[in-house]
Amino acid sequence: MTSRHPAITVALLGGESSGKSTLAAALERHLQDIQGLRVVRVPEHLRLWCEARGRAPHAHEQADIADEQARLIDSARRTPGVEVVIADTTALMVAAYSALYFQATELLEPALAAQRACDLTLLMGLDLPWTPDGLFRDSPAVRDATDSLLRRELQGAGIAFQTVYGQGQTRLRQALRAIGTALGRPLVKDDPGLANGLRPWSCENCSDPDCEHRLFTGLLSRPS
């Protein structure tokens, strides 16, 4: 890929304590240091907002936070020479929290419109242990509810997504396979489908937990 082409935007979604930030940092390191790509990682504006103020936002503050998250992603993808943008969440996460905490759904439509501009949406699997994080995490129940809402909204809007599972290198490799498909080049050594010019099978719109469990088990059984 050359700088004449637009950047590939990879959006990470998932409830609290689902591994978004850890995966975003790992992807940035791998794509830059090993693949030699120019990468911009967009942080979660909501977290930065909360850290700066020492509190969670009120209902009337949600829209500005969502707009700023979308603006940061758009600015990153417009940066000259950038090849991959890793978005550690999108406006859709802010909209989801607004719907869950304040029963306000007006942010969902514009957030979904912004989500469509992303080339790849990766939804974090809920197989990681939930850990408390003070101001930023409430409970496993909130994480589960967020996951359900995200799936419902993405499927209802016809936005494809892939769910990634596992810890450490396992989750990273799954994400790299998906990004490699978007880039049209193998990013994982044992990905023979892409190496032979084929697109590997992926169940992008699936929300069947049994189906996803089979996919996750199959990936774990492969040699690392």
C-alpha atoms as a PDB file:
ATOM      1  CA  MET A   1       0.000   0.000   0.000  1.00  0.00           C
ATOM      2  CA  THR A   2       1.261   3.498  -0.821  1.00  0.00           C
ATOM      3  CA  SER A   3       0.432   6.904   0.562  1.00  0.00           C
ATOM      4  CA  ARG A   4      -1.764   7.543  -2.496  1.00  0.00           C
ATOM      5  CA  HIS A   5      -4.384   5.200  -1.091  1.00  0.00           C
ATOM      6  CA  PRO A   6      -6.665   6.115   1.796  1.00  0.00           C
ATOM      7  CA  ALA A   7      -5.880   4.630   5.188  1.00  0.00           C
ATOM      8  CA  ILE A   8      -7.590   1.445   6.341  1.00  0.00           C
ATOM      9  CA  THR A   9      -9.578   2.246   9.481  1.00  0.00           C
ATOM     10  CA  VAL A  10      -9.872  -0.544  12.053  1.00  0.00           C
ATOM     11  CA  ALA A  11     -12.412   0.120  14.804  1.00  0.00           C
ATOM     12  CA  LEU A  12     -12.327  -1.766  18.100  1.00  0.00           C
ATOM     13  CA  LEU A  13     -15.611  -2.078  19.974  1.00  0.00           C
ATOM     14  CA  GLY A  14     -16.540  -3.746  23.235  1.00  0.00           C
ATOM     15  CA  GLY A  15     -17.788  -3.107  26.729  1.00  0.00           C
ATOM     16  CA  GLU A  16     -15.647  -2.198  29.703  1.00  0.00           C
ATOM     17  CA  SER A  17     -12.767  -4.560  30.530  1.00  0.00           C
ATOM     18  CA  SER A  18     -12.974  -6.332  27.185  1.00  0.00           C
ATOM     19  CA  GLY A  19      -9.417  -5.670  26.015  1.00  0.00           C
ATOM     20  CA  LYS A  20      -9.806  -2.848  23.474  1.00  0.00           C
ATOM     21  CA  SER A  21      -6.904  -0.700  24.623  1.00  0.00           C
ATOM     22  CA  THR A  22      -4.557  -3.652  25.102  1.00  0.00           C
ATOM     23  CA  LEU A  23      -5.295  -4.950  21.614  1.00  0.00           C
ATOM     24  CA  ALA A  24      -5.033  -1.475  20.061  1.00  0.00           C
ATOM     25  CA  ALA A  25      -1.543  -1.013  21.510  1.00  0.00           C
ATOM     26  CA  ALA A  26      -0.451  -4.507  20.417  1.00  0.00           C
ATOM     27  CA  LEU A  27      -1.733  -3.927  16.884  1.00  0.00           C
ATOM     28  CA  GLU A  28       0.056  -0.595  16.654  1.00  0.00           C
ATOM     29  CA  ARG A  29       3.367  -2.170  17.709  1.00  0.00           C
ATOM     30  CA  HIS A  30       3.050  -5.148  15.362  1.00  0.00           C
ATOM     31  CA  LEU A  31       1.903  -3.225  12.308  1.00  0.00           C
ATOM     32  CA  GLN A  32       4.622  -0.593  12.738  1.00  0.00           C
ATOM     33  CA  ASP A  33       7.580  -2.600  13.996  1.00  0.00           C
ATOM     34  CA  ILE A  34       7.069  -5.888  12.150  1.00  0.00           C
ATOM     35  CA  GLN A  35       4.988  -4.998   9.106  1.00  0.00           C
ATOM     36  CA  GLY A  36       6.595  -1.609   8.515  1.00  0.00           C
ATOM     37  CA  LEU A  37       3.285   0.192   8.090  1.00  0.00           C
ATOM     38  CA  ARG A  38       2.620   3.770   9.114  1.00  0.00           C
ATOM     39  CA  VAL A  39      -0.013   3.529  11.824  1.00  0.00           C
ATOM     40  CA  VAL A  40      -1.964   6.045  13.886  1.00  0.00           C
ATOM     41  CA  ARG A  41      -3.701   4.837  17.048  1.00  0.00           C
ATOM     42  CA  VAL A  42      -6.658   6.974  18.114  1.00  0.00           C
ATOM     43  CA  PRO A  43      -7.224   6.825  21.895  1.00  0.00           C
ATOM     44  CA  GLU A  44     -10.566   6.631  23.649  1.00  0.00           C
ATOM     45  CA  HIS A  45     -11.632  10.245  24.098  1.00  0.00           C
ATOM     46  CA  LEU A  46     -14.203   9.325  26.764  1.00  0.00           C
ATOM     47  CA  ARG A  47     -11.496   7.937  29.044  1.00  0.00           C
ATOM     48  CA  LEU A  48      -9.307  11.006  28.562  1.00  0.00           C
ATOM     49  CA  TRP A  49     -12.319  13.222  29.278  1.00  0.00           C
ATOM     50  CA  CYS A  50     -13.087  11.361  32.510  1.00  0.00           C
ATOM     51  CA  GLU A  51      -9.458  11.401  33.650  1.00  0.00           C
ATOM     52  CA  ALA A  52      -9.212  15.140  33.061  1.00  0.00           C
ATOM     53  CA  ARG A  53     -12.367  15.874  35.076  1.00  0.00           C
ATOM     54  CA  GLY A  54     -12.304  13.081  37.627  1.00  0.00           C
ATOM     55  CA  ARG A  55     -15.872  12.055  36.893  1.00  0.00           C
ATOM     56  CA  ALA A  56     -18.158  10.387  34.393  1.00  0.00           C
ATOM     57  CA  PRO A  57     -20.008  12.633  31.895  1.00  0.00           C
ATOM     58  CA  HIS A  58     -23.596  13.736  32.341  1.00  0.00           C
ATOM     59  CA  ALA A  59     -26.272  13.033  29.765  1.00  0.00           C
ATOM     60  CA  HIS A  60     -25.986  16.425  28.072  1.00  0.00           C
ATOM     61  CA  GLU A  61     -22.223  15.990  27.642  1.00  0.00           C
ATOM     62  CA  GLN A  62     -22.380  12.726  25.718  1.00  0.00           C
ATOM     63  CA  ALA A  63     -22.966  14.210  22.255  1.00  0.00           C
ATOM     64  CA  ASP A  64     -19.843  16.375  22.320  1.00  0.00           C
ATOM     65  CA  ILE A  65     -17.736  13.410  23.444  1.00  0.00           C
ATOM     66  CA  ALA A  66     -19.092  11.239  20.624  1.00  0.00           C
ATOM     67  CA  ASP A  67     -18.497  14.002  18.078  1.00  0.00           C
ATOM     68  CA  GLU A  68     -14.917  14.470  19.247  1.00  0.00           C
ATOM     69  CA  GLN A  69     -14.205  10.733  19.010  1.00  0.00           C
ATOM     70  CA  ALA A  70     -15.477  10.720  15.419  1.00  0.00           C
ATOM     71  CA  ARG A  71     -13.463  13.850  14.611  1.00  0.00           C
ATOM     72  CA  LEU A  72     -10.245  12.325  15.961  1.00  0.00           C
ATOM     73  CA  ILE A  73     -10.696   9.210  13.821  1.00  0.00           C
ATOM     74  CA  ASP A  74     -11.475  11.228  10.707  1.00  0.00           C
ATOM     75  CA  SER A  75      -8.453  13.456  11.310  1.00  0.00           C
ATOM     76  CA  ALA A  76      -6.199  10.408  11.696  1.00  0.00           C
ATOM     77  CA  ARG A  77      -7.347   8.831   8.442  1.00  0.00           C
ATOM     78  CA  ARG A  78      -6.711  12.109   6.618  1.00  0.00           C
ATOM     79  CA  THR A  79      -3.117  12.346   7.838  1.00  0.00           C
ATOM     80  CA  PRO A  80      -0.806  12.169   4.793  1.00  0.00           C
ATOM     81  CA  GLY A  81       1.029   8.873   4.437  1.00  0.00           C
ATOM     82  CA  VAL A  82      -0.941   6.992   7.089  1.00  0.00           C
ATOM     83  CA  GLU A  83      -1.775   3.442   6.032  1.00  0.00           C
ATOM     84  CA  VAL A  84      -3.699   2.046   9.006  1.00  0.00           C
ATOM     85  CA  VAL A  85      -5.772   3.812  11.654  1.00  0.00           C
ATOM     86  CA  ILE A  86      -6.461   1.834  14.829  1.00  0.00           C
ATOM     87  CA  ALA A  87      -9.419   3.365  16.650  1.00  0.00           C
ATOM     88  CA  ASP A  88      -9.517   2.357  20.315  1.00  0.00           C
ATOM     89  CA  THR A  89     -13.320   2.713  20.296  1.00  0.00           C
ATOM     90  CA  THR A  90     -15.631   4.907  18.193  1.00  0.00           C
ATOM     91  CA  ALA A  91     -18.590   7.212  18.710  1.00  0.00           C
ATOM     92  CA  LEU A  92     -20.781   4.108  18.785  1.00  0.00           C
ATOM     93  CA  MET A  93     -19.395   3.219  22.217  1.00  0.00           C
ATOM     94  CA  VAL A  94     -20.399   6.627  23.571  1.00  0.00           C
ATOM     95  CA  ALA A  95     -23.845   6.220  22.033  1.00  0.00           C
ATOM     96  CA  ALA A  96     -24.166   2.762  23.570  1.00  0.00           C
ATOM     97  CA  TYR A  97     -23.300   4.050  27.038  1.00  0.00           C
ATOM     98  CA  SER A  98     -25.728   6.944  26.583  1.00  0.00           C
ATOM     99  CA  ALA A  99     -28.490   4.484  25.738  1.00  0.00           C
ATOM    100  CA  LEU A 100     -27.658   2.190  28.664  1.00  0.00           C
ATOM    101  CA  TYR A 101     -27.127   4.789  31.381  1.00  0.00           C
ATOM    102  CA  PHE A 102     -29.508   7.567  30.329  1.00  0.00           C
ATOM    103  CA  GLN A 103     -32.001   5.722  28.083  1.00  0.00           C
ATOM    104  CA  ALA A 104     -31.076   8.261  25.393  1.00  0.00           C
ATOM    105  CA  THR A 105     -30.919   6.758  21.912  1.00  0.00           C
ATOM    106  CA  GLU A 106     -30.558   9.862  19.737  1.00  0.00           C
ATOM    107  CA  LEU A 107     -26.795   9.400  19.419  1.00  0.00           C
ATOM    108  CA  LEU A 108     -27.067   5.936  17.884  1.00  0.00           C
ATOM    109  CA  GLU A 109     -28.016   6.964  14.343  1.00  0.00           C
ATOM    110  CA  PRO A 110     -25.121   9.411  13.756  1.00  0.00           C
ATOM    111  CA  ALA A 111     -22.727   7.019  15.512  1.00  0.00           C
ATOM    112  CA  LEU A 112     -23.746   4.176  13.207  1.00  0.00           C
ATOM    113  CA  ALA A 113     -23.286   6.467  10.200  1.00  0.00           C
ATOM    114  CA  ALA A 114     -19.732   7.186  11.384  1.00  0.00           C
ATOM    115  CA  GLN A 115     -19.156   3.474  11.988  1.00  0.00           C
ATOM    116  CA  ARG A 116     -19.943   2.710   8.336  1.00  0.00           C
ATOM    117  CA  ALA A 117     -16.891   4.756   7.341  1.00  0.00           C
ATOM    118  CA  CYS A 118     -14.642   2.245   9.132  1.00  0.00           C
ATOM    119  CA  ASP A 119     -13.191  -0.460   6.916  1.00  0.00           C
ATOM    120  CA  LEU A 120     -13.143  -3.126   9.617  1.00  0.00           C
ATOM    121  CA  THR A 121     -15.043  -3.423  12.886  1.00  0.00           C
ATOM    122  CA  LEU A 122     -13.642  -5.808  15.489  1.00  0.00           C
ATOM    123  CA  LEU A 123     -15.869  -6.649  18.446  1.00  0.00           C
ATOM    124  CA  MET A 124     -14.096  -7.824  21.575  1.00  0.00           C
ATOM    125  CA  GLY A 125     -15.146 -11.259  22.830  1.00  0.00           C
ATOM    126  CA  LEU A 126     -16.195 -11.497  26.466  1.00  0.00           C
ATOM    127  CA  ASP A 127     -13.822 -14.336  27.348  1.00  0.00           C
ATOM    128  CA  LEU A 128     -11.440 -12.036  29.265  1.00  0.00           C
ATOM    129  CA  PRO A 129     -11.925 -11.777  33.041  1.00  0.00           C
ATOM    130  CA  TRP A 130     -13.672  -8.620  34.176  1.00  0.00           C
ATOM    131  CA  THR A 131     -11.501  -6.457  36.432  1.00  0.00           C
ATOM    132  CA  PRO A 132     -12.521  -3.256  38.281  1.00  0.00           C
ATOM    133  CA  ASP A 133     -10.950   0.035  37.241  1.00  0.00           C
ATOM    134  CA  GLY A 134     -12.327   2.643  39.589  1.00  0.00           C
ATOM    135  CA  LEU A 135     -14.258   5.358  37.773  1.00  0.00           C
ATOM    136  CA  PHE A 136     -14.331   3.580  34.425  1.00  0.00           C
ATOM    137  CA  ARG A 137     -15.850   0.156  35.106  1.00  0.00           C
ATOM    138  CA  ASP A 138     -19.119  -0.783  36.762  1.00  0.00           C
ATOM    139  CA  SER A 139     -19.746  -4.530  36.583  1.00  0.00           C
ATOM    140  CA  PRO A 140     -19.697  -7.609  34.345  1.00  0.00           C
ATOM    141  CA  ALA A 141     -23.440  -7.104  33.860  1.00  0.00           C
ATOM    142  CA  VAL A 142     -22.833  -3.712  32.243  1.00  0.00           C
ATOM    143  CA  ARG A 143     -20.214  -5.243  29.978  1.00  0.00           C
ATOM    144  CA  ASP A 144     -22.666  -7.946  28.900  1.00  0.00           C
ATOM    145  CA  ALA A 145     -25.429  -5.410  28.291  1.00  0.00           C
ATOM    146  CA  THR A 146     -23.069  -3.256  26.229  1.00  0.00           C
ATOM    147  CA  ASP A 147     -22.076  -6.250  24.108  1.00  0.00           C
ATOM    148  CA  SER A 148     -25.710  -7.126  23.451  1.00  0.00           C
ATOM    149  CA  LEU A 149     -26.558  -3.551  22.486  1.00  0.00           C
ATOM    150  CA  LEU A 150     -23.584  -3.269  20.127  1.00  0.00           C
ATOM    151  CA  ARG A 151     -24.464  -6.512  18.360  1.00  0.00           C
ATOM    152  CA  ARG A 152     -28.095  -5.494  17.996  1.00  0.00           C
ATOM    153  CA  GLU A 153     -27.278  -2.059  16.602  1.00  0.00           C
ATOM    154  CA  LEU A 154     -24.549  -3.259  14.226  1.00  0.00           C
ATOM    155  CA  GLN A 155     -26.710  -6.048  12.846  1.00  0.00           C
ATOM    156  CA  GLY A 156     -29.743  -3.785  12.575  1.00  0.00           C
ATOM    157  CA  ALA A 157     -27.695  -1.268  10.590  1.00  0.00           C
ATOM    158  CA  GLY A 158     -26.195  -3.983   8.369  1.00  0.00           C
ATOM    159  CA  ILE A 159     -22.625  -3.182   9.490  1.00  0.00           C
ATOM    160  CA  ALA A 160     -20.317  -6.184   9.258  1.00  0.00           C
ATOM    161  CA  PHE A 161     -18.172  -7.048  12.251  1.00  0.00           C
ATOM    162  CA  GLN A 162     -15.868  -9.811  13.400  1.00  0.00           C
ATOM    163  CA  THR A 163     -15.536 -11.004  16.978  1.00  0.00           C
ATOM    164  CA  VAL A 164     -12.046 -11.698  18.322  1.00  0.00           C
ATOM    165  CA  TYR A 165     -11.328 -13.938  21.281  1.00  0.00           C
ATOM    166  CA  GLY A 166      -8.446 -15.098  23.426  1.00  0.00           C
ATOM    167  CA  GLN A 167      -5.663 -13.451  25.373  1.00  0.00           C
ATOM    168  CA  GLY A 168      -2.342 -11.983  24.272  1.00  0.00           C
ATOM    169  CA  GLN A 169      -0.990 -13.407  21.034  1.00  0.00           C
ATOM    170  CA  THR A 170      -4.129 -15.445  20.361  1.00  0.00           C
ATOM    171  CA  ARG A 171      -6.335 -12.360  20.157  1.00  0.00           C
ATOM    172  CA  LEU A 172      -3.675 -10.390  18.321  1.00  0.00           C
ATOM    173  CA  ARG A 173      -3.338 -13.068  15.639  1.00  0.00           C
ATOM    174  CA  GLN A 174      -7.102 -13.171  15.062  1.00  0.00           C
ATOM    175  CA  ALA A 175      -7.174  -9.388  14.647  1.00  0.00           C
ATOM    176  CA  LEU A 176      -4.174  -9.481  12.303  1.00  0.00           C
ATOM    177  CA  ARG A 177      -5.877 -12.078  10.104  1.00  0.00           C
ATOM    178  CA  ALA A 178      -8.880  -9.790   9.760  1.00  0.00           C
ATOM    179  CA  ILE A 179      -6.731  -6.733   9.045  1.00  0.00           C
ATOM    180  CA  GLY A 180      -4.697  -8.724   6.547  1.00  0.00           C
ATOM    181  CA  THR A 181      -7.891  -9.493   4.641  1.00  0.00           C
ATOM    182  CA  ALA A 182      -8.740  -5.783   4.547  1.00  0.00           C
ATOM    183  CA  LEU A 183      -5.234  -4.945   3.335  1.00  0.00           C
ATOM    184  CA  GLY A 184      -5.118  -7.831   0.862  1.00  0.00           C
ATOM    185  CA  ARG A 185      -1.853  -9.191   2.282  1.00  0.00           C
ATOM    186  CA  PRO A 186      -1.041 -11.859   4.887  1.00  0.00           C
ATOM    187  CA  LEU A 187      -0.041 -10.504   8.276  1.00  0.00           C
ATOM    188  CA  VAL A 188       0.141 -13.889   9.992  1.00  0.00           C
ATOM    189  CA  LYS A 189       2.665 -16.480   8.826  1.00  0.00           C
ATOM    190  CA  ASP A 190       0.323 -19.476   9.031  1.00  0.00           C
ATOM    191  CA  ASP A 191      -2.492 -17.832   7.041  1.00  0.00           C
ATOM    192  CA  PRO A 192      -2.374 -19.982   3.864  1.00  0.00           C
ATOM    193  CA  GLY A 193      -5.625 -18.605   2.465  1.00  0.00           C
ATOM    194  CA  LEU A 194      -4.251 -15.106   2.018  1.00  0.00           C
ATOM    195  CA  ALA A 195      -0.839 -16.417   0.981  1.00  0.00           C
ATOM    196  CA  ASN A 196      -2.512 -18.202  -1.944  1.00  0.00           C
ATOM    197  CA  GLY A 197      -4.549 -15.159  -2.924  1.00  0.00           C
ATOM    198  CA  LEU A 198      -7.759 -16.405  -1.300  1.00  0.00           C
ATOM    199  CA  ARG A 199      -9.974 -14.698   1.230  1.00  0.00           C
ATOM    200  CA  PRO A 200     -10.264 -16.743   4.438  1.00  0.00           C
ATOM    201  CA  TRP A 201     -13.761 -17.552   5.636  1.00  0.00           C
ATOM    202  CA  SER A 202     -15.079 -15.228   8.290  1.00  0.00           C
ATOM    203  CA  CYS A 203     -18.530 -15.020   9.844  1.00  0.00           C
ATOM    204  CA  GLU A 204     -18.717 -11.245  10.066  1.00  0.00           C
ATOM    205  CA  ASN A 205     -22.361 -10.783  10.972  1.00  0.00           C
ATOM    206  CA  CYS A 206     -22.757 -13.794  13.217  1.00  0.00           C
ATOM    207  CA  SER A 207     -23.989 -13.335  16.772  1.00  0.00           C
ATOM    208  CA  ASP A 208     -24.634 -17.026  17.422  1.00  0.00           C
ATOM    209  CA  PRO A 209     -22.526 -17.805  20.538  1.00  0.00           C
ATOM    210  CA  ASP A 210     -22.273 -21.480  19.589  1.00  0.00           C
ATOM    211  CA  CYS A 211     -20.970 -20.564  16.141  1.00  0.00           C
ATOM    212  CA  GLU A 212     -18.488 -18.096  17.613  1.00  0.00           C
ATOM    213  CA  HIS A 213     -17.372 -20.661  20.163  1.00  0.00           C
ATOM    214  CA  ARG A 214     -16.583 -23.133  17.382  1.00  0.00           C
ATOM    215  CA  LEU A 215     -14.595 -20.475  15.533  1.00  0.00           C
ATOM    216  CA  PHE A 216     -12.681 -19.552  18.679  1.00  0.00           C
ATOM    217  CA  THR A 217     -11.922 -23.197  19.518  1.00  0.00           C
ATOM    218  CA  GLY A 218     -10.688 -23.826  16.003  1.00  0.00           C
ATOM    219  CA  LEU A 219      -8.311 -20.891  16.162  1.00  0.00           C
ATOM    220  CA  LEU A 220      -6.923 -22.015  19.497  1.00  0.00           C
ATOM    221  CA  SER A 221      -6.206 -25.473  18.095  1.00  0.00           C
ATOM    222  CA  ARG A 222      -3.899 -24.072  15.412  1.00  0.00           C
ATOM    223  CA  PRO A 223      -0.160 -24.117  16.099  1.00  0.00           C
ATOM    224  CA  SER A 224       1.249 -20.785  17.249  1.00  0.00           C
END
